[in-house]
Amino acid sequence: MNIKWKTIAPLAIWLAIYLIPVPAGLNANQWHYFAVFAAVITGLILESMPVGAVGLIGLTFAGVMGYVEHDPNKSLRWMLSGFSESTVWLIVGAFVFAIGYRKSGLGRRIALLLVRGLGRRTIGLGYAVMLSDLVLAPATPSNTARSGGTVYPIVSNIPRIYGSEPGPTAGKIGTYVMWTAFATTAVTSSLFLTSLAPNAAALGIAKKIVGVDVGWSQWFIGFAPLGIPLLVLVPLLSYLICRPEVKESPEIVVWSADELKAMGPLSRNEWIMAALVLLAMFLWITGSNPNISLPGLGSNFINATMVVFVVISLMLLAGVIDFADIVAEKAAWEVFFYFTSLLTLSSGLNEIGFIKWIADEFAEPLRGMSPTTGMILLVALFFWIHYFFSSITSHAAAVLPVVLAVGSSIPGMPMATLTLLCVYSLGLMGVISPYATGPAPMYFGSGYIGKRDFWKFGLIFGLIFFVGLLAIVMPWLQLIG
């Protein structure tokens, strides 16, 4: 058996951190747990082995060592806690939706329609993908449901039309289309108060701590000077960074029109799938949106993940998919183990107090700084510390109170501006890693974006989004008061 350096590297990272003297303010248990987390992230970046295996091994080691819970029974319950997280099952459900789109033929039909209308130039497809997310964003508070459950199953059919499959031919057009879809949902998640569930939760935290309260229109006006240009630029930036091999394809437009004719009218399963998709979208928009109330049902009458289970059950009953199709969906189950492990491990960092220690250590020296310098550094802390999180909600709950508390202790700090910069970054930060937000594992597991490319693209777009936040949104918020 040949042992590669990529396999040894995560172990070397773990051992190096383990042997470093424990920093002041932490105990050995917290520091050694961080060593495990760092080793897992290294394994994911280097692709030491399948990502699901990397996460599962790290989670098992942390559980056996009792880093989060010393009692073996409690430690096992902690290990298994991520498997019951609603976001994880929403992601798996989105993969099943993709099966329905694919097997019924509806996904191919919609993809062909997009290609016929905008497929002459590759960048036109990028703008079609962007617009599809933008239209859904204001009324869909789950970006996993919006991008993972609705946009992904459709756009995943587009590359195959161009002969671009996961793997060696992904770069023809697949990488570009998939990354554009993923980067777009990061922007739309920040553009509207109602396009990402943690947005409202973060504002609730801010209102309690510093008394800052923001309405829907105020939210939009504050972020629009950055959000709208970013939506225009994301397909173009993706085009420049992903460098699709197929630039123009006039003949594909003619071909797609012929293929649509050959498909004929909508089949029974396509009609059923279309109806179920509309049902899912209706329930996602109305059922889990606190701002929409239906007669006799009120608001928040069904969870976004419950919608997925309902629709999958109806797909099975109608024969659109078979249960064997779900079992055979390898990508869904790899993502299931990988994201569940990362979700649990990152929550463990918060539970043992490691995140609070980092936030406190970074924030304490800022108390004597000028308001502008302090604000920039606090927003930087809030944004980039997300590498330690796989849940935007838990990030907001753990770090936002610390940042706001430190900010309020700096004389002259404009707390409304600081608050908005932090909450606006919640959607944008979702682009930085393969586990940063709900839809990320789907695009990461699609096979169209190389694993190292995902980290590289995430860093590039993260830097662009972060600089835009400080260079455009910060002075705009100070100008409008």
Protein backbone atom coordinates (compact mmCIF):
# COMPACT_ATOMS: atom_id res chain seq x y z
CA MET A 1 0.00 0.00 0.00
CA ASN A 2 1.47 3.35 -1.07
CA ILE A 3 1.04 6.13 1.48
CA LYS A 4 0.87 9.50 -0.26
CA TRP A 5 1.96 12.83 1.20
CA LYS A 6 -1.63 14.07 0.95
CA THR A 7 -2.60 11.37 3.43
CA ILE A 8 0.23 12.23 5.81
CA ALA A 9 -0.25 16.03 5.64
CA PRO A 10 -3.48 16.16 7.74
CA LEU A 11 -1.83 13.96 10.37
CA ALA A 12 1.22 16.25 10.36
CA ILE A 13 -1.01 19.30 10.85
CA TRP A 14 -2.83 17.57 13.72
CA LEU A 15 0.43 16.57 15.42
CA ALA A 16 2.05 19.99 14.95
CA ILE A 17 -0.90 21.83 16.55
CA TYR A 18 -1.22 19.15 19.23
CA LEU A 19 2.40 19.62 20.32
CA ILE A 20 2.28 23.44 20.37
CA PRO A 21 1.93 24.71 23.95
CA VAL A 22 -1.69 25.45 24.79
CA PRO A 23 -2.36 29.21 24.36
CA ALA A 24 -3.37 31.25 27.37
CA GLY A 25 -7.13 31.24 27.87
CA LEU A 26 -7.62 27.73 26.52
CA ASN A 27 -7.33 24.32 28.12
CA ALA A 28 -5.68 21.28 26.56
CA ASN A 29 -9.04 19.75 25.61
CA GLN A 30 -10.06 22.80 23.55
CA TRP A 31 -6.69 23.09 21.82
CA HIS A 32 -6.51 19.41 20.94
CA TYR A 33 -10.02 19.54 19.52
CA PHE A 34 -8.97 22.42 17.30
CA ALA A 35 -6.04 20.28 16.10
CA VAL A 36 -8.54 17.65 14.91
CA PHE A 37 -10.69 20.27 13.16
CA ALA A 38 -7.64 21.75 11.40
CA ALA A 39 -6.56 18.28 10.26
CA VAL A 40 -10.02 17.59 8.80
CA ILE A 41 -10.03 20.89 6.87
CA THR A 42 -6.53 20.09 5.56
CA GLY A 43 -7.75 16.68 4.42
CA LEU A 44 -10.69 18.28 2.59
CA ILE A 45 -8.48 20.82 0.84
CA LEU A 46 -5.87 18.25 -0.23
CA GLU A 47 -8.44 15.55 -1.04
CA SER A 48 -6.53 13.01 1.05
CA MET A 49 -9.45 10.60 0.58
CA PRO A 50 -13.17 10.91 -0.22
CA VAL A 51 -14.55 13.94 1.60
CA GLY A 52 -17.20 11.91 3.40
CA ALA A 53 -14.49 9.64 4.81
CA VAL A 54 -12.35 12.58 5.96
CA GLY A 55 -15.24 14.12 7.89
CA LEU A 56 -16.39 10.82 9.38
CA ILE A 57 -12.91 9.86 10.60
CA GLY A 58 -12.38 13.27 12.20
CA LEU A 59 -15.80 13.17 13.86
CA THR A 60 -15.21 9.65 15.16
CA PHE A 61 -11.81 10.56 16.62
CA ALA A 62 -13.21 13.65 18.35
CA GLY A 63 -16.10 11.60 19.75
CA VAL A 64 -13.90 8.77 21.03
CA MET A 65 -11.55 11.25 22.71
CA GLY A 66 -14.50 12.95 24.40
CA TYR A 67 -13.42 16.45 23.47
CA VAL A 68 -16.94 17.91 23.51
CA GLU A 69 -18.65 15.49 25.90
CA HIS A 70 -16.57 13.41 28.32
CA ASP A 71 -19.32 10.86 29.00
CA PRO A 72 -19.19 8.20 26.23
CA ASN A 73 -22.96 8.07 25.83
CA LYS A 74 -23.27 11.85 25.62
CA SER A 75 -20.32 11.95 23.23
CA LEU A 76 -22.08 9.49 20.92
CA ARG A 77 -25.25 11.58 21.02
CA TRP A 78 -23.16 14.63 20.12
CA MET A 79 -21.59 12.74 17.17
CA LEU A 80 -25.02 11.77 15.87
CA SER A 81 -26.64 15.17 16.45
CA GLY A 82 -25.72 16.48 13.00
CA PHE A 83 -27.56 13.63 11.29
CA SER A 84 -30.85 15.06 12.52
CA GLU A 85 -30.14 18.61 11.36
CA SER A 86 -32.87 19.84 9.01
CA THR A 87 -30.38 21.55 6.67
CA VAL A 88 -28.60 18.25 6.01
CA TRP A 89 -31.83 16.56 4.94
CA LEU A 90 -32.81 19.58 2.87
CA ILE A 91 -29.58 19.12 0.92
CA VAL A 92 -30.21 15.39 0.41
CA GLY A 93 -33.76 16.25 -0.66
CA ALA A 94 -32.42 18.69 -3.24
CA PHE A 95 -30.38 15.86 -4.77
CA VAL A 96 -33.57 13.77 -4.94
CA PHE A 97 -35.34 16.66 -6.66
CA ALA A 98 -32.54 16.58 -9.22
CA ILE A 99 -33.28 12.86 -9.80
CA GLY A 100 -36.92 13.76 -10.47
CA TYR A 101 -35.97 16.49 -12.92
CA ARG A 102 -33.55 14.15 -14.67
CA LYS A 103 -35.69 11.00 -14.76
CA SER A 104 -38.92 12.73 -15.76
CA GLY A 105 -37.18 14.66 -18.54
CA LEU A 106 -38.38 18.02 -17.21
CA GLY A 107 -34.87 19.14 -16.29
CA ARG A 108 -33.61 18.42 -19.79
CA ARG A 109 -36.57 20.24 -21.34
CA ILE A 110 -36.03 23.38 -19.23
CA ALA A 111 -32.29 23.25 -19.92
CA LEU A 112 -32.95 22.97 -23.65
CA LEU A 113 -35.31 25.96 -23.47
CA LEU A 114 -32.63 28.04 -21.73
CA VAL A 115 -30.02 26.93 -24.24
CA ARG A 116 -32.31 27.70 -27.19
CA GLY A 117 -33.02 31.18 -25.82
CA LEU A 118 -29.60 32.19 -24.47
CA GLY A 119 -27.16 29.46 -25.40
CA ARG A 120 -25.54 31.12 -28.41
CA ARG A 121 -22.99 32.62 -26.05
CA THR A 122 -21.85 30.90 -22.85
CA ILE A 123 -22.02 34.10 -20.84
CA GLY A 124 -25.70 34.41 -21.79
CA LEU A 125 -26.35 31.18 -19.92
CA GLY A 126 -24.58 32.66 -16.91
CA TYR A 127 -26.99 35.57 -16.86
CA ALA A 128 -29.96 33.22 -17.26
CA VAL A 129 -28.77 31.26 -14.21
CA MET A 130 -28.31 34.49 -12.23
CA LEU A 131 -31.79 35.76 -13.09
CA SER A 132 -33.43 32.47 -12.11
CA ASP A 133 -32.07 32.79 -8.56
CA LEU A 134 -32.82 36.52 -8.36
CA VAL A 135 -36.49 36.02 -9.25
CA LEU A 136 -36.95 33.48 -6.44
CA ALA A 137 -34.81 35.20 -3.80
CA PRO A 138 -37.12 37.86 -2.26
CA ALA A 139 -39.74 35.32 -1.22
CA THR A 140 -37.62 32.22 -0.49
CA PRO A 141 -36.00 32.49 2.95
CA SER A 142 -34.02 29.25 2.53
CA ASN A 143 -31.13 29.56 0.10
CA THR A 144 -30.78 25.76 0.25
CA ALA A 145 -34.34 25.37 -0.98
CA ARG A 146 -33.93 28.14 -3.54
CA SER A 147 -30.53 27.32 -5.00
CA GLY A 148 -30.19 23.68 -4.02
CA GLY A 149 -33.78 22.58 -4.51
CA THR A 150 -34.85 24.69 -7.49
CA VAL A 151 -31.88 26.17 -9.39
CA TYR A 152 -29.35 23.33 -9.05
CA PRO A 153 -31.55 20.53 -10.46
CA ILE A 154 -32.19 22.66 -13.55
CA VAL A 155 -28.71 24.02 -14.23
CA SER A 156 -27.09 20.62 -13.64
CA ASN A 157 -28.76 19.52 -16.88
CA ILE A 158 -27.26 22.33 -18.98
CA PRO A 159 -23.58 21.21 -19.17
CA ARG A 160 -24.49 17.75 -20.47
CA ILE A 161 -26.13 19.34 -23.49
CA TYR A 162 -22.69 20.70 -24.40
CA GLY A 163 -20.94 17.37 -23.74
CA SER A 164 -19.59 18.65 -20.43
CA GLU A 165 -19.72 15.95 -17.74
CA PRO A 166 -18.34 15.84 -14.18
CA GLY A 167 -14.63 15.12 -14.34
CA PRO A 168 -12.29 15.71 -17.32
CA THR A 169 -14.83 17.58 -19.47
CA ALA A 170 -16.24 19.72 -16.64
CA GLY A 171 -14.21 22.72 -17.78
CA LYS A 172 -15.97 22.91 -21.16
CA ILE A 173 -18.89 24.77 -19.61
CA GLY A 174 -20.02 22.89 -16.49
CA THR A 175 -17.62 24.57 -14.05
CA TYR A 176 -18.71 28.01 -15.22
CA VAL A 177 -22.44 27.35 -15.06
CA MET A 178 -22.31 25.70 -11.62
CA TRP A 179 -20.01 28.29 -10.04
CA THR A 180 -22.15 31.13 -11.39
CA ALA A 181 -25.21 29.57 -9.78
CA PHE A 182 -23.43 29.15 -6.45
CA ALA A 183 -21.84 32.60 -6.35
CA THR A 184 -25.14 34.22 -7.34
CA THR A 185 -27.02 32.77 -4.38
CA ALA A 186 -24.42 34.27 -2.01
CA VAL A 187 -25.27 37.73 -3.37
CA THR A 188 -29.06 37.28 -3.45
CA SER A 189 -28.93 35.94 0.12
CA SER A 190 -27.58 39.32 1.23
CA LEU A 191 -29.64 41.51 -1.07
CA PHE A 192 -33.01 40.81 0.57
CA LEU A 193 -33.92 40.50 4.22
CA THR A 194 -36.21 37.59 3.33
CA SER A 195 -33.78 35.65 1.11
CA LEU A 196 -31.82 33.99 3.94
CA ALA A 197 -33.36 32.77 7.19
CA PRO A 198 -30.45 33.87 9.47
CA ASN A 199 -30.86 37.49 8.26
CA ALA A 200 -33.92 38.08 10.42
CA ALA A 201 -32.44 36.09 13.30
CA ALA A 202 -29.28 38.23 13.23
CA LEU A 203 -31.36 41.42 13.27
CA GLY A 204 -33.22 40.05 16.28
CA ILE A 205 -29.91 39.60 18.09
CA ALA A 206 -28.80 43.12 17.12
CA LYS A 207 -32.06 44.65 18.33
CA LYS A 208 -31.66 43.05 21.75
CA ILE A 209 -27.99 43.94 22.17
CA VAL A 210 -27.64 47.42 20.62
CA GLY A 211 -31.22 48.43 19.78
CA VAL A 212 -30.69 48.49 16.00
CA ASP A 213 -33.87 47.62 14.08
CA VAL A 214 -34.07 47.51 10.26
CA GLY A 215 -37.06 46.99 7.96
CA TRP A 216 -37.21 45.22 4.58
CA SER A 217 -36.84 48.36 2.47
CA GLN A 218 -34.06 49.79 4.66
CA TRP A 219 -32.19 46.50 4.30
CA PHE A 220 -32.49 46.54 0.51
CA ILE A 221 -31.56 50.22 0.13
CA GLY A 222 -28.48 49.75 2.31
CA PHE A 223 -27.09 46.82 0.32
CA ALA A 224 -28.34 47.61 -3.21
CA PRO A 225 -25.32 49.79 -4.23
CA LEU A 226 -23.17 46.66 -3.89
CA GLY A 227 -25.71 43.88 -4.44
CA ILE A 228 -27.04 45.01 -7.82
CA PRO A 229 -23.60 45.59 -9.40
CA LEU A 230 -22.45 42.22 -8.04
CA LEU A 231 -25.39 40.45 -9.68
CA VAL A 232 -24.39 42.05 -12.98
CA LEU A 233 -20.72 41.18 -12.46
CA VAL A 234 -20.92 37.62 -11.06
CA PRO A 235 -21.54 35.90 -14.43
CA LEU A 236 -18.75 37.98 -15.99
CA LEU A 237 -16.30 37.40 -13.10
CA SER A 238 -17.09 33.69 -13.17
CA TYR A 239 -16.46 33.69 -16.91
CA LEU A 240 -13.03 35.27 -16.42
CA ILE A 241 -12.02 33.05 -13.50
CA CYS A 242 -13.51 29.70 -14.57
CA ARG A 243 -12.48 30.18 -18.24
CA PRO A 244 -15.03 27.92 -19.97
CA GLU A 245 -13.67 26.23 -23.07
CA VAL A 246 -16.92 26.72 -24.97
CA LYS A 247 -17.31 30.46 -25.64
CA GLU A 248 -19.85 30.46 -28.44
CA SER A 249 -21.95 27.72 -29.92
CA PRO A 250 -24.46 28.95 -32.52
CA GLU A 251 -25.08 25.41 -33.72
CA ILE A 252 -26.17 24.31 -30.24
CA VAL A 253 -29.15 26.69 -30.46
CA VAL A 254 -30.38 24.98 -33.64
CA TRP A 255 -29.66 21.56 -32.16
CA SER A 256 -31.56 22.35 -28.94
CA ALA A 257 -34.59 23.51 -30.96
CA ASP A 258 -34.55 20.20 -32.87
CA GLU A 259 -34.22 18.27 -29.60
CA LEU A 260 -37.23 20.06 -28.15
CA LYS A 261 -39.27 19.11 -31.22
CA ALA A 262 -38.11 15.53 -30.85
CA MET A 263 -39.18 15.47 -27.21
CA GLY A 264 -42.71 16.38 -28.22
CA PRO A 265 -45.31 17.59 -25.72
CA LEU A 266 -44.85 17.30 -21.97
CA SER A 267 -45.10 13.71 -20.77
CA ARG A 268 -47.22 12.56 -17.80
CA ASN A 269 -44.18 12.50 -15.48
CA GLU A 270 -43.05 15.93 -16.64
CA TRP A 271 -46.48 17.38 -15.82
CA ILE A 272 -46.42 15.73 -12.41
CA MET A 273 -42.87 16.88 -11.70
CA ALA A 274 -43.71 20.44 -12.77
CA ALA A 275 -46.76 20.46 -10.47
CA LEU A 276 -44.70 19.14 -7.56
CA VAL A 277 -41.99 21.74 -8.14
CA LEU A 278 -44.61 24.50 -8.12
CA LEU A 279 -46.07 23.02 -4.94
CA ALA A 280 -42.63 22.99 -3.30
CA MET A 281 -41.95 26.58 -4.32
CA PHE A 282 -45.36 27.70 -3.06
CA LEU A 283 -44.81 26.02 0.31
CA TRP A 284 -41.24 27.31 0.58
CA ILE A 285 -42.39 30.87 -0.13
CA THR A 286 -45.51 30.84 2.05
CA GLY A 287 -45.06 28.05 4.55
CA SER A 288 -41.77 29.10 6.15
CA ASN A 289 -41.91 32.86 5.58
CA PRO A 290 -42.86 34.78 8.75
CA ASN A 291 -43.91 37.76 6.63
CA ILE A 292 -46.60 35.83 4.74
CA SER A 293 -49.76 34.61 6.45
CA LEU A 294 -52.39 32.37 4.83
CA PRO A 295 -56.02 32.27 6.02
CA GLY A 296 -56.53 29.44 8.46
CA LEU A 297 -52.85 28.53 8.47
CA GLY A 298 -51.04 31.67 9.58
CA SER A 299 -47.31 31.99 8.97
CA ASN A 300 -44.55 29.39 9.48
CA PHE A 301 -47.03 26.52 9.12
CA ILE A 302 -44.55 24.11 7.50
CA ASN A 303 -40.77 23.76 7.72
CA ALA A 304 -38.72 24.01 4.51
CA THR A 305 -37.26 20.54 5.06
CA MET A 306 -40.70 19.07 5.72
CA VAL A 307 -41.72 20.38 2.29
CA VAL A 308 -38.93 18.28 0.77
CA PHE A 309 -40.17 15.12 2.49
CA VAL A 310 -43.74 15.81 1.36
CA VAL A 311 -42.73 16.31 -2.27
CA ILE A 312 -40.39 13.30 -2.32
CA SER A 313 -43.20 11.13 -0.94
CA LEU A 314 -45.52 12.38 -3.69
CA MET A 315 -42.81 11.72 -6.31
CA LEU A 316 -42.57 8.12 -5.07
CA LEU A 317 -46.34 7.66 -4.99
CA ALA A 318 -46.70 9.03 -8.52
CA GLY A 319 -43.89 6.86 -9.85
CA VAL A 320 -41.77 9.80 -11.01
CA ILE A 321 -38.84 8.23 -9.14
CA ASP A 322 -38.23 4.88 -7.46
CA PHE A 323 -36.76 4.37 -4.01
CA ALA A 324 -33.86 2.56 -5.69
CA ASP A 325 -33.02 5.85 -7.41
CA ILE A 326 -32.61 7.54 -4.03
CA VAL A 327 -30.45 4.73 -2.65
CA ALA A 328 -28.25 4.80 -5.76
CA GLU A 329 -27.60 8.56 -5.65
CA LYS A 330 -23.95 8.33 -4.54
CA ALA A 331 -23.31 12.09 -4.59
CA ALA A 332 -26.18 12.75 -2.16
CA TRP A 333 -24.92 10.29 0.43
CA GLU A 334 -21.30 11.41 0.15
CA VAL A 335 -22.42 14.97 0.78
CA PHE A 336 -24.66 13.72 3.59
CA PHE A 337 -21.71 12.23 5.51
CA TYR A 338 -19.30 15.03 4.63
CA PHE A 339 -21.57 17.96 5.53
CA THR A 340 -23.01 16.27 8.61
CA SER A 341 -19.52 15.65 9.96
CA LEU A 342 -18.40 19.22 9.26
CA LEU A 343 -21.59 20.66 10.72
CA THR A 344 -21.09 18.70 13.94
CA LEU A 345 -17.37 19.41 14.18
CA SER A 346 -17.80 23.15 13.62
CA SER A 347 -20.63 23.30 16.16
CA GLY A 348 -18.28 21.55 18.60
CA LEU A 349 -15.79 24.42 18.26
CA ASN A 350 -18.53 26.73 19.46
CA GLU A 351 -19.79 24.42 22.20
CA ILE A 352 -16.38 24.06 23.86
CA GLY A 353 -15.80 27.83 23.79
CA PHE A 354 -13.03 27.93 21.16
CA ILE A 355 -14.86 30.40 18.90
CA LYS A 356 -15.56 32.76 21.81
CA TRP A 357 -11.87 32.64 22.75
CA ILE A 358 -10.79 33.59 19.22
CA ALA A 359 -13.36 36.38 19.05
CA ASP A 360 -12.34 37.74 22.46
CA GLU A 361 -8.62 37.51 21.69
CA PHE A 362 -9.04 39.36 18.41
CA ALA A 363 -11.53 41.90 19.67
CA GLU A 364 -9.94 42.97 22.96
CA PRO A 365 -7.11 45.05 21.39
CA LEU A 366 -9.68 46.94 19.30
CA ARG A 367 -11.21 48.75 22.26
CA GLY A 368 -8.71 51.58 22.08
CA MET A 369 -8.81 52.07 18.31
CA SER A 370 -10.56 54.69 16.21
CA PRO A 371 -14.17 53.84 15.21
CA THR A 372 -13.32 53.37 11.52
CA THR A 373 -10.33 51.09 12.14
CA GLY A 374 -12.23 49.18 14.79
CA MET A 375 -15.21 48.73 12.48
CA ILE A 376 -13.09 47.40 9.60
CA LEU A 377 -11.30 44.91 11.84
CA LEU A 378 -14.50 43.77 13.55
CA VAL A 379 -16.22 43.18 10.20
CA ALA A 380 -13.11 41.32 8.99
CA LEU A 381 -13.27 39.10 12.08
CA PHE A 382 -16.97 38.46 11.58
CA PHE A 383 -16.54 37.62 7.87
CA TRP A 384 -13.43 35.45 7.79
CA ILE A 385 -14.02 33.54 11.00
CA HIS A 386 -16.74 31.77 9.01
CA TYR A 387 -14.10 29.27 7.89
CA PHE A 388 -14.72 27.70 11.29
CA PHE A 389 -18.46 27.36 10.70
CA SER A 390 -20.72 25.26 8.49
CA SER A 391 -23.88 27.03 9.62
CA ILE A 392 -24.57 30.70 9.06
CA THR A 393 -27.21 30.63 11.80
CA SER A 394 -24.80 29.29 14.42
CA HIS A 395 -22.16 31.77 13.23
CA ALA A 396 -24.52 34.69 13.77
CA ALA A 397 -25.60 33.40 17.18
CA ALA A 398 -22.04 32.80 18.39
CA VAL A 399 -20.04 35.71 16.95
CA LEU A 400 -22.44 38.61 16.36
CA PRO A 401 -23.05 39.30 20.08
CA VAL A 402 -19.28 39.43 20.71
CA VAL A 403 -18.62 41.77 17.78
CA LEU A 404 -21.48 44.11 18.72
CA ALA A 405 -20.47 44.16 22.39
CA VAL A 406 -16.89 45.09 21.52
CA GLY A 407 -18.07 47.65 18.95
CA SER A 408 -20.32 49.37 21.48
CA SER A 409 -17.34 49.79 23.82
CA ILE A 410 -15.41 51.84 21.21
CA PRO A 411 -16.25 55.55 21.64
CA GLY A 412 -17.94 57.04 18.59
CA MET A 413 -18.67 53.70 16.90
CA PRO A 414 -21.72 54.02 14.57
CA MET A 415 -23.49 50.87 15.74
CA ALA A 416 -26.15 50.88 13.02
CA THR A 417 -23.44 50.80 10.34
CA LEU A 418 -21.44 48.10 12.13
CA THR A 419 -24.57 46.00 12.59
CA LEU A 420 -25.62 46.23 8.95
CA LEU A 421 -22.12 45.45 7.65
CA CYS A 422 -22.12 42.28 9.76
CA VAL A 423 -25.61 41.10 8.82
CA TYR A 424 -25.07 41.93 5.13
CA SER A 425 -22.00 39.68 5.17
CA LEU A 426 -24.03 36.62 6.22
CA GLY A 427 -25.03 35.75 2.67
CA LEU A 428 -21.76 36.83 1.06
CA MET A 429 -19.58 34.69 3.37
CA GLY A 430 -21.40 31.59 2.13
CA VAL A 431 -19.16 31.60 -0.96
CA ILE A 432 -15.84 31.02 0.82
CA SER A 433 -15.82 27.27 1.44
CA PRO A 434 -17.51 23.99 0.41
CA TYR A 435 -19.38 23.90 3.72
CA ALA A 436 -20.03 27.59 4.36
CA THR A 437 -23.76 27.55 3.54
CA GLY A 438 -26.52 25.07 2.75
CA PRO A 439 -26.19 24.88 -1.07
CA ALA A 440 -22.37 24.67 -0.97
CA PRO A 441 -22.12 20.89 -0.48
CA MET A 442 -24.38 20.30 -3.49
CA TYR A 443 -22.22 22.31 -5.88
CA PHE A 444 -19.08 20.91 -4.24
CA GLY A 445 -20.34 17.36 -4.72
CA SER A 446 -21.58 17.89 -8.27
CA GLY A 447 -18.24 16.94 -9.79
CA TYR A 448 -18.19 20.02 -12.01
CA ILE A 449 -16.03 22.19 -9.75
CA GLY A 450 -12.68 20.68 -8.81
CA LYS A 451 -12.23 20.49 -5.05
CA ARG A 452 -9.12 22.67 -5.02
CA ASP A 453 -10.75 25.01 -7.50
CA PHE A 454 -13.71 25.38 -5.13
CA TRP A 455 -11.44 26.64 -2.35
CA LYS A 456 -9.57 28.91 -4.77
CA PHE A 457 -12.70 30.39 -6.34
CA GLY A 458 -14.22 30.78 -2.87
CA LEU A 459 -11.23 32.80 -1.66
CA ILE A 460 -11.20 35.01 -4.78
CA PHE A 461 -14.92 35.76 -4.64
CA GLY A 462 -14.80 36.10 -0.86
CA LEU A 463 -12.14 38.78 -1.18
CA ILE A 464 -14.12 40.60 -3.89
CA PHE A 465 -17.31 40.51 -1.82
CA PHE A 466 -15.50 41.60 1.35
CA VAL A 467 -13.69 44.50 -0.31
CA GLY A 468 -16.97 45.62 -1.89
CA LEU A 469 -18.64 45.54 1.51
CA LEU A 470 -16.04 47.90 2.97
CA ALA A 471 -15.40 50.08 -0.10
CA ILE A 472 -19.02 50.59 -1.21
CA VAL A 473 -21.51 49.65 1.50
CA MET A 474 -19.67 51.17 4.48
CA PRO A 475 -19.37 54.72 3.06
CA TRP A 476 -22.92 54.47 1.61
CA LEU A 477 -24.38 53.58 5.03
CA GLN A 478 -22.47 56.44 6.65
CA LEU A 479 -23.75 58.81 3.93
CA ILE A 480 -27.44 57.90 4.33
CA GLY A 481 -27.12 57.90 8.10
